[in-house]
C-alpha atoms as a PDB file:
ATOM      1  CA  MET A   1     164.032 127.213 101.403  1.00  0.00           C
ATOM      2  CA  ARG A   2     161.400 129.954 102.764  1.00  0.00           C
ATOM      3  CA  ARG A   3     160.298 130.515  98.925  1.00  0.00           C
ATOM      4  CA  LEU A   4     159.770 126.748  98.445  1.00  0.00           C
ATOM      5  CA  VAL A   5     157.415 126.889 101.229  1.00  0.00           C
ATOM      6  CA  ILE A   6     155.719 129.988 100.297  1.00  0.00           C
ATOM      7  CA  ALA A   7     155.425 128.272  96.740  1.00  0.00           C
ATOM      8  CA  ILE A   8     154.330 125.273  97.652  1.00  0.00           C
ATOM      9  CA  SER A   9     151.396 127.123 100.161  1.00  0.00           C
ATOM     10  CA  LEU A  10     150.396 128.809  97.101  1.00  0.00           C
ATOM     11  CA  LEU A  11     150.117 125.993  94.916  1.00  0.00           C
ATOM     12  CA  LEU A  12     147.881 123.737  97.606  1.00  0.00           C
ATOM     13  CA  LEU A  13     146.100 126.858  98.474  1.00  0.00           C
ATOM     14  CA  PRO A  14     143.231 126.622  95.796  1.00  0.00           C
ATOM     15  CA  TYR A  15     142.791 122.770  96.951  1.00  0.00           C
ATOM     16  CA  THR A  16     142.314 122.929 100.426  1.00  0.00           C
ATOM     17  CA  THR A  17     139.762 126.208  99.799  1.00  0.00           C
ATOM     18  CA  LEU A  18     137.419 124.254  97.437  1.00  0.00           C
ATOM     19  CA  THR A  19     137.794 120.971  99.134  1.00  0.00           C
ATOM     20  CA  ALA A  20     136.833 123.136 102.384  1.00  0.00           C
ATOM     21  CA  CYS A  21     133.726 124.676 100.579  1.00  0.00           C
ATOM     22  CA  ALA A  22     132.635 121.302  98.757  1.00  0.00           C
ATOM     23  CA  GLY A  23     129.995 120.676 101.596  1.00  0.00           C
ATOM     24  CA  LEU A  24     129.120 124.485 102.160  1.00  0.00           C
ATOM     25  CA  GLN A  25     125.305 125.356 101.043  1.00  0.00           C
ATOM     26  CA  ILE A  26     124.285 128.885 100.301  1.00  0.00           C
ATOM     27  CA  GLY A  27     120.984 129.993 100.368  1.00  0.00           C
ATOM     28  CA  GLY A  28     119.886 127.488 103.557  1.00  0.00           C
ATOM     29  CA  SER A  29     118.017 124.476 101.668  1.00  0.00           C
ATOM     30  CA  SER A  30     119.887 122.291  99.918  1.00  0.00           C
ATOM     31  CA  ASP A  31     116.889 121.557  97.209  1.00  0.00           C
ATOM     32  CA  SER A  32     116.101 124.574  94.948  1.00  0.00           C
ATOM     33  CA  PRO A  33     112.583 124.563  93.399  1.00  0.00           C
ATOM     34  CA  SER A  34     113.862 122.628  90.269  1.00  0.00           C
ATOM     35  CA  ALA A  35     115.387 119.924  92.025  1.00  0.00           C
ATOM     36  CA  ILE A  36     111.994 119.289  94.048  1.00  0.00           C
ATOM     37  CA  ALA A  37     109.993 119.266  90.855  1.00  0.00           C
ATOM     38  CA  ALA A  38     112.548 116.916  89.405  1.00  0.00           C
ATOM     39  CA  LYS A  39     112.120 114.662  91.889  1.00  0.00           C
ATOM     40  CA  ARG A  40     108.335 114.653  91.893  1.00  0.00           C
ATOM     41  CA  HIS A  41     108.475 113.961  88.144  1.00  0.00           C
ATOM     42  CA  SER A  42     110.372 111.280  89.076  1.00  0.00           C
ATOM     43  CA  GLN A  43     107.840 109.694  91.477  1.00  0.00           C
ATOM     44  CA  VAL A  44     105.197 110.433  89.056  1.00  0.00           C
ATOM     45  CA  ARG A  45     106.681 108.568  86.204  1.00  0.00           C
ATOM     46  CA  GLN A  46     107.747 105.700  88.664  1.00  0.00           C
ATOM     47  CA  SER A  47     103.743 105.393  89.624  1.00  0.00           C
ATOM     48  CA  LEU A  48     103.198 105.444  86.407  1.00  0.00           C
ATOM     49  CA  ASP A  49     105.702 102.782  85.556  1.00  0.00           C
ATOM     50  CA  GLN A  50     104.226 100.734  88.828  1.00  0.00           C
ATOM     51  CA  LEU A  51     100.736 101.054  87.283  1.00  0.00           C
ATOM     52  CA  ILE A  52     101.381  99.802  83.855  1.00  0.00           C
ATOM     53  CA  SER A  53     103.215  96.716  85.057  1.00  0.00           C
ATOM     54  CA  ALA A  54     101.058  95.745  87.282  1.00  0.00           C
ATOM     55  CA  TYR A  55      98.372  96.209  84.528  1.00  0.00           C
ATOM     56  CA  GLU A  56     100.560  93.703  82.281  1.00  0.00           C
ATOM     57  CA  ALA A  57     100.775  91.606  85.144  1.00  0.00           C
ATOM     58  CA  LYS A  58      97.372  91.375  85.403  1.00  0.00           C
ATOM     59  CA  ASN A  59      98.259  92.155  88.911  1.00  0.00           C
ATOM     60  CA  SER A  60      94.479  93.846  90.280  1.00  0.00           C
ATOM     61  CA  ARG A  61      95.708  93.981  93.874  1.00  0.00           C
ATOM     62  CA  GLN A  62      98.850  96.083  93.050  1.00  0.00           C
ATOM     63  CA  PHE A  63      96.754  98.078  90.702  1.00  0.00           C
ATOM     64  CA  THR A  64      94.567  99.018  93.145  1.00  0.00           C
ATOM     65  CA  GLU A  65      97.162 100.215  95.646  1.00  0.00           C
ATOM     66  CA  LEU A  66      98.329 102.463  92.895  1.00  0.00           C
ATOM     67  CA  THR A  67      94.749 103.987  92.644  1.00  0.00           C
ATOM     68  CA  SER A  68      93.601 107.161  94.840  1.00  0.00           C
ATOM     69  CA  GLY A  69      90.475 106.152  97.059  1.00  0.00           C
ATOM     70  CA  ASN A  70      89.093 109.087  95.548  1.00  0.00           C
ATOM     71  CA  TYR A  71      89.555 108.166  91.984  1.00  0.00           C
ATOM     72  CA  THR A  72      86.980 110.540  89.611  1.00  0.00           C
ATOM     73  CA  GLY A  73      85.457 108.065  87.496  1.00  0.00           C
ATOM     74  CA  GLU A  74      84.904 105.764  90.952  1.00  0.00           C
ATOM     75  CA  ALA A  75      87.425 103.405  91.565  1.00  0.00           C
ATOM     76  CA  ARG A  76      85.262 100.685  91.181  1.00  0.00           C
ATOM     77  CA  ILE A  77      84.212 101.413  88.237  1.00  0.00           C
ATOM     78  CA  LEU A  78      87.850 101.214  86.862  1.00  0.00           C
ATOM     79  CA  THR A  79      88.494  98.068  88.799  1.00  0.00           C
ATOM     80  CA  THR A  80      85.578  96.243  87.122  1.00  0.00           C
ATOM     81  CA  ALA A  81      86.902  97.600  83.731  1.00  0.00           C
ATOM     82  CA  ILE A  82      90.483  96.294  84.313  1.00  0.00           C
ATOM     83  CA  GLN A  83      89.209  93.074  85.721  1.00  0.00           C
ATOM     84  CA  ARG A  84      87.414  92.725  82.084  1.00  0.00           C
ATOM     85  CA  ASP A  85      90.635  93.540  80.187  1.00  0.00           C
ATOM     86  CA  PHE A  86      92.149  90.323  82.195  1.00  0.00           C
ATOM     87  CA  SER A  87      89.682  88.110  81.532  1.00  0.00           C
ATOM     88  CA  THR A  88      89.344  89.185  77.602  1.00  0.00           C
ATOM     89  CA  TYR A  89      92.771  89.559  76.651  1.00  0.00           C
ATOM     90  CA  HIS A  90      96.135  88.310  76.746  1.00  0.00           C
ATOM     91  CA  ASN A  91      99.402  89.696  76.145  1.00  0.00           C
ATOM     92  CA  LEU A  92      98.709  93.218  77.614  1.00  0.00           C
ATOM     93  CA  SER A  93     101.341  96.106  76.938  1.00  0.00           C
ATOM     94  CA  LEU A  94     101.886  99.314  77.121  1.00  0.00           C
ATOM     95  CA  ARG A  95     104.425 101.655  76.019  1.00  0.00           C
ATOM     96  CA  TYR A  96     104.610 105.348  76.484  1.00  0.00           C
ATOM     97  CA  THR A  97     106.205 108.572  76.062  1.00  0.00           C
ATOM     98  CA  VAL A  98     105.560 111.679  78.674  1.00  0.00           C
ATOM     99  CA  ASN A  99     104.941 114.643  76.711  1.00  0.00           C
ATOM    100  CA  ASN A 100     104.612 117.198  79.735  1.00  0.00           C
ATOM    101  CA  ILE A 101     104.198 116.917  83.414  1.00  0.00           C
ATOM    102  CA  THR A 102     102.815 119.679  85.774  1.00  0.00           C
ATOM    103  CA  LEU A 103     102.813 120.185  89.295  1.00  0.00           C
ATOM    104  CA  ASP A 104     100.375 122.262  90.890  1.00  0.00           C
ATOM    105  CA  ASN A 105     101.566 124.398  93.456  1.00  0.00           C
ATOM    106  CA  LYS A 106     101.883 122.679  96.124  1.00  0.00           C
ATOM    107  CA  GLY A 107     103.329 119.470  94.168  1.00  0.00           C
ATOM    108  CA  ASN A 108     100.288 117.237  95.629  1.00  0.00           C
ATOM    109  CA  LYS A 109      98.616 117.282  92.082  1.00  0.00           C
ATOM    110  CA  ALA A 110     100.512 116.152  89.093  1.00  0.00           C
ATOM    111  CA  PHE A 111      99.094 116.516  85.550  1.00  0.00           C
ATOM    112  CA  VAL A 112     100.335 114.160  82.954  1.00  0.00           C
ATOM    113  CA  ALA A 113      99.663 113.895  79.134  1.00  0.00           C
ATOM    114  CA  ILE A 114     101.061 111.061  77.307  1.00  0.00           C
ATOM    115  CA  THR A 115     101.137 109.285  74.069  1.00  0.00           C
ATOM    116  CA  PHE A 116     101.092 105.484  74.453  1.00  0.00           C
ATOM    117  CA  THR A 117     100.724 102.724  72.162  1.00  0.00           C
ATOM    118  CA  ARG A 118      98.914  99.829  73.538  1.00  0.00           C
ATOM    119  CA  GLY A 119      99.116  96.033  72.531  1.00  0.00           C
ATOM    120  CA  TRP A 120      96.591  93.001  73.374  1.00  0.00           C
ATOM    121  CA  THR A 121      95.750  89.676  72.041  1.00  0.00           C
ATOM    122  CA  ASP A 122      92.055  88.933  71.935  1.00  0.00           C
ATOM    123  CA  ILE A 123      91.538  85.546  73.883  1.00  0.00           C
ATOM    124  CA  LYS A 124      88.326  84.579  72.028  1.00  0.00           C
ATOM    125  CA  THR A 125      89.770  85.036  68.049  1.00  0.00           C
ATOM    126  CA  SER A 126      93.593  84.964  68.887  1.00  0.00           C
ATOM    127  CA  LYS A 127      94.247  88.607  66.926  1.00  0.00           C
ATOM    128  CA  THR A 128      96.581  90.711  67.838  1.00  0.00           C
ATOM    129  CA  LYS A 129      95.726  94.119  67.836  1.00  0.00           C
ATOM    130  CA  SER A 130      97.589  97.754  68.983  1.00  0.00           C
ATOM    131  CA  GLU A 131      96.642 101.251  68.926  1.00  0.00           C
ATOM    132  CA  THR A 132      98.582 104.432  69.648  1.00  0.00           C
ATOM    133  CA  LYS A 133      96.672 107.411  71.339  1.00  0.00           C
ATOM    134  CA  GLU A 134      97.035 110.491  73.560  1.00  0.00           C
ATOM    135  CA  THR A 135      95.560 110.927  76.918  1.00  0.00           C
ATOM    136  CA  SER A 136      95.689 112.805  79.996  1.00  0.00           C
ATOM    137  CA  LEU A 137      96.242 111.409  83.647  1.00  0.00           C
ATOM    138  CA  VAL A 138      95.751 113.252  87.217  1.00  0.00           C
ATOM    139  CA  PHE A 139      97.852 111.610  89.893  1.00  0.00           C
ATOM    140  CA  VAL A 140      97.416 112.819  93.725  1.00  0.00           C
ATOM    141  CA  LEU A 141     100.436 112.598  96.157  1.00  0.00           C
ATOM    142  CA  GLU A 142      98.745 110.314  99.114  1.00  0.00           C
ATOM    143  CA  ASP A 143     100.981 108.952 102.082  1.00  0.00           C
ATOM    144  CA  GLY A 144     103.856 110.178 100.214  1.00  0.00           C
ATOM    145  CA  VAL A 145     103.140 108.039  96.902  1.00  0.00           C
ATOM    146  CA  TYR A 146     101.502 109.289  93.581  1.00  0.00           C
ATOM    147  CA  LYS A 147      98.148 107.528  92.888  1.00  0.00           C
ATOM    148  CA  LEU A 148      96.128 107.806  89.749  1.00  0.00           C
ATOM    149  CA  TYR A 149      93.568 110.117  90.606  1.00  0.00           C
ATOM    150  CA  SER A 150      91.809 110.441  86.961  1.00  0.00           C
ATOM    151  CA  GLN A 151      91.991 109.273  82.860  1.00  0.00           C
ATOM    152  CA  ARG A 152      91.023 112.298  80.413  1.00  0.00           C
ATOM    153  CA  GLY A 153      90.610 111.235  76.947  1.00  0.00           C
ATOM    154  CA  PRO A 154      91.062 107.914  75.749  1.00  0.00           C
ATOM    155  CA  ARG A 155      91.352 105.559  78.698  1.00  0.00           C
ATOM    156  CA  LEU A 156      94.990 104.354  79.362  1.00  0.00           C
ATOM    157  CA  PHE A 157      93.643 101.142  81.710  1.00  0.00           C
ATOM    158  CA  GLY A 158      90.356  99.707  81.144  1.00  0.00           C
ATOM    159  CA  LEU A 159      89.610  99.061  77.631  1.00  0.00           C
ATOM    160  CA  HIS A 160      85.931  98.208  78.141  1.00  0.00           C
END
């Protein structure tokens, strides 16, 4: 009987030890630098997705909320350009592939390189057009949300 108890104890020992250690954190913080970077990359993608959704839906209010008040190309010029897009084109569509996301040391700025395909229909001519280009965007972290700070290269938003 004693051998049976010892055998069962030995069989259960790894199970009880592993389950007891499951919540153990080594090194204090639960978020490694790579986990934090992955989370921020996800936040940048989410902001970009929301900007594109607002642009495609012609929702200038939502688009403006996701643009930094310190936008380097001057936010009013961007707002005017997207308003022109909204009144000149139908069926705005943007599809993109992220080539790279690089964060500054503090994670407050994100530099994003993308390849995108933009499609639209000209209201006056009813001609559908599309183009594929590469561009760079900079996002800044404001109030816990990454917002568009600048566009370099071919503009993703504001054809005119």
